[in-house]
Amino acid sequence: MDLKGIGDRILMLRRTKGMSQEELADRVGVDQSTISHWESGHHSPDVAQLMRLMEVLDASMSDILPGSLIE
């Protein structure tokens, strides 16, 4: 799994929405450090977190996950 690619996409989407890591964390229901770990490619969101990210960031699964993961 391309954790860095996922992290880069989360970072881009968050910045596009003008949100801080702390704000995104609050809206997704995780700690700010979790967002940092995702964006740095150390961890990836689980399915429930991914669904919440999609809702909060108004993004599709393909916006967050690199294409090779869902094709």
C-alpha atoms as a PDB file:
ATOM      1  CA  MET A   1       0.000   0.000   0.000  1.00  0.00           C
ATOM      2  CA  ASP A   2       1.329   3.443  -0.938  1.00  0.00           C
ATOM      3  CA  LEU A   3       1.058   5.155   2.457  1.00  0.00           C
ATOM      4  CA  LYS A   4       3.010   8.198   1.308  1.00  0.00           C
ATOM      5  CA  GLY A   5       0.675   8.634  -1.665  1.00  0.00           C
ATOM      6  CA  ILE A   6      -2.373   8.441   0.592  1.00  0.00           C
ATOM      7  CA  GLY A   7      -0.782  10.929   2.980  1.00  0.00           C
ATOM      8  CA  ASP A   8       0.040  13.349   0.183  1.00  0.00           C
ATOM      9  CA  ARG A   9      -3.552  13.240  -1.036  1.00  0.00           C
ATOM     10  CA  ILE A  10      -4.976  13.819   2.458  1.00  0.00           C
ATOM     11  CA  LEU A  11      -2.600  16.766   2.911  1.00  0.00           C
ATOM     12  CA  MET A  12      -3.574  18.288  -0.436  1.00  0.00           C
ATOM     13  CA  LEU A  13      -7.305  17.881   0.210  1.00  0.00           C
ATOM     14  CA  ARG A  14      -6.990  19.319   3.722  1.00  0.00           C
ATOM     15  CA  ARG A  15      -5.081  22.347   2.471  1.00  0.00           C
ATOM     16  CA  THR A  16      -7.552  22.841  -0.380  1.00  0.00           C
ATOM     17  CA  LYS A  17     -10.308  23.047   2.245  1.00  0.00           C
ATOM     18  CA  GLY A  18      -8.207  25.525   4.273  1.00  0.00           C
ATOM     19  CA  MET A  19      -8.219  23.264   7.318  1.00  0.00           C
ATOM     20  CA  SER A  20      -5.525  22.770   9.939  1.00  0.00           C
ATOM     21  CA  GLN A  21      -4.531  19.277  11.043  1.00  0.00           C
ATOM     22  CA  GLU A  22      -6.257  19.973  14.358  1.00  0.00           C
ATOM     23  CA  GLU A  23      -9.513  21.022  12.676  1.00  0.00           C
ATOM     24  CA  LEU A  24      -9.533  17.954  10.428  1.00  0.00           C
ATOM     25  CA  ALA A  25      -8.753  15.736  13.410  1.00  0.00           C
ATOM     26  CA  ASP A  26     -11.679  17.189  15.374  1.00  0.00           C
ATOM     27  CA  ARG A  27     -14.078  16.665  12.481  1.00  0.00           C
ATOM     28  CA  VAL A  28     -12.889  13.104  11.774  1.00  0.00           C
ATOM     29  CA  GLY A  29     -12.775  12.161  15.467  1.00  0.00           C
ATOM     30  CA  VAL A  30      -9.078  11.411  15.834  1.00  0.00           C
ATOM     31  CA  ASP A  31      -6.067  13.097  17.448  1.00  0.00           C
ATOM     32  CA  GLN A  32      -4.049  15.706  15.554  1.00  0.00           C
ATOM     33  CA  SER A  33      -1.065  13.345  15.740  1.00  0.00           C
ATOM     34  CA  THR A  34      -3.090  10.766  13.786  1.00  0.00           C
ATOM     35  CA  ILE A  35      -3.559  13.246  10.943  1.00  0.00           C
ATOM     36  CA  SER A  36       0.176  13.972  11.056  1.00  0.00           C
ATOM     37  CA  HIS A  37       0.976  10.250  10.859  1.00  0.00           C
ATOM     38  CA  TRP A  38      -1.347   9.801   7.898  1.00  0.00           C
ATOM     39  CA  GLU A  39       0.078  12.790   6.035  1.00  0.00           C
ATOM     40  CA  SER A  40       3.662  11.696   6.651  1.00  0.00           C
ATOM     41  CA  GLY A  41       2.933   8.186   5.377  1.00  0.00           C
ATOM     42  CA  HIS A  42       3.543   6.382   8.676  1.00  0.00           C
ATOM     43  CA  HIS A  43      -0.025   5.058   8.971  1.00  0.00           C
ATOM     44  CA  SER A  44      -3.214   5.010   6.925  1.00  0.00           C
ATOM     45  CA  PRO A  45      -6.819   5.558   7.954  1.00  0.00           C
ATOM     46  CA  ASP A  46      -8.965   2.518   8.639  1.00  0.00           C
ATOM     47  CA  VAL A  47     -12.184   2.046   6.672  1.00  0.00           C
ATOM     48  CA  ALA A  48     -14.385   4.002   9.103  1.00  0.00           C
ATOM     49  CA  GLN A  49     -11.863   6.858   9.219  1.00  0.00           C
ATOM     50  CA  LEU A  50     -11.588   6.830   5.425  1.00  0.00           C
ATOM     51  CA  MET A  51     -15.352   7.158   5.101  1.00  0.00           C
ATOM     52  CA  ARG A  52     -15.365  10.086   7.535  1.00  0.00           C
ATOM     53  CA  LEU A  53     -12.449  11.736   5.668  1.00  0.00           C
ATOM     54  CA  MET A  54     -14.380  11.440   2.422  1.00  0.00           C
ATOM     55  CA  GLU A  55     -17.366  13.155   4.033  1.00  0.00           C
ATOM     56  CA  VAL A  56     -15.411  15.925   5.768  1.00  0.00           C
ATOM     57  CA  LEU A  57     -13.171  16.653   2.778  1.00  0.00           C
ATOM     58  CA  ASP A  58     -16.005  16.249   0.255  1.00  0.00           C
ATOM     59  CA  ALA A  59     -13.815  13.747  -1.575  1.00  0.00           C
ATOM     60  CA  SER A  60     -14.278  10.410  -3.305  1.00  0.00           C
ATOM     61  CA  MET A  61     -12.330   7.279  -2.492  1.00  0.00           C
ATOM     62  CA  SER A  62     -10.273   7.765  -5.661  1.00  0.00           C
ATOM     63  CA  ASP A  63      -9.393  11.294  -4.474  1.00  0.00           C
ATOM     64  CA  ILE A  64      -7.727   9.804  -1.375  1.00  0.00           C
ATOM     65  CA  LEU A  65      -6.491   6.384  -2.459  1.00  0.00           C
ATOM     66  CA  PRO A  66      -3.961   6.050  -5.262  1.00  0.00           C
ATOM     67  CA  GLY A  67      -5.619   4.565  -8.361  1.00  0.00           C
ATOM     68  CA  SER A  68      -3.847   1.240  -8.221  1.00  0.00           C
ATOM     69  CA  LEU A  69      -5.523   0.444  -4.927  1.00  0.00           C
ATOM     70  CA  ILE A  70      -9.067   0.720  -6.210  1.00  0.00           C
ATOM     71  CA  GLU A  71      -8.784  -0.326  -9.843  1.00  0.00           C
END
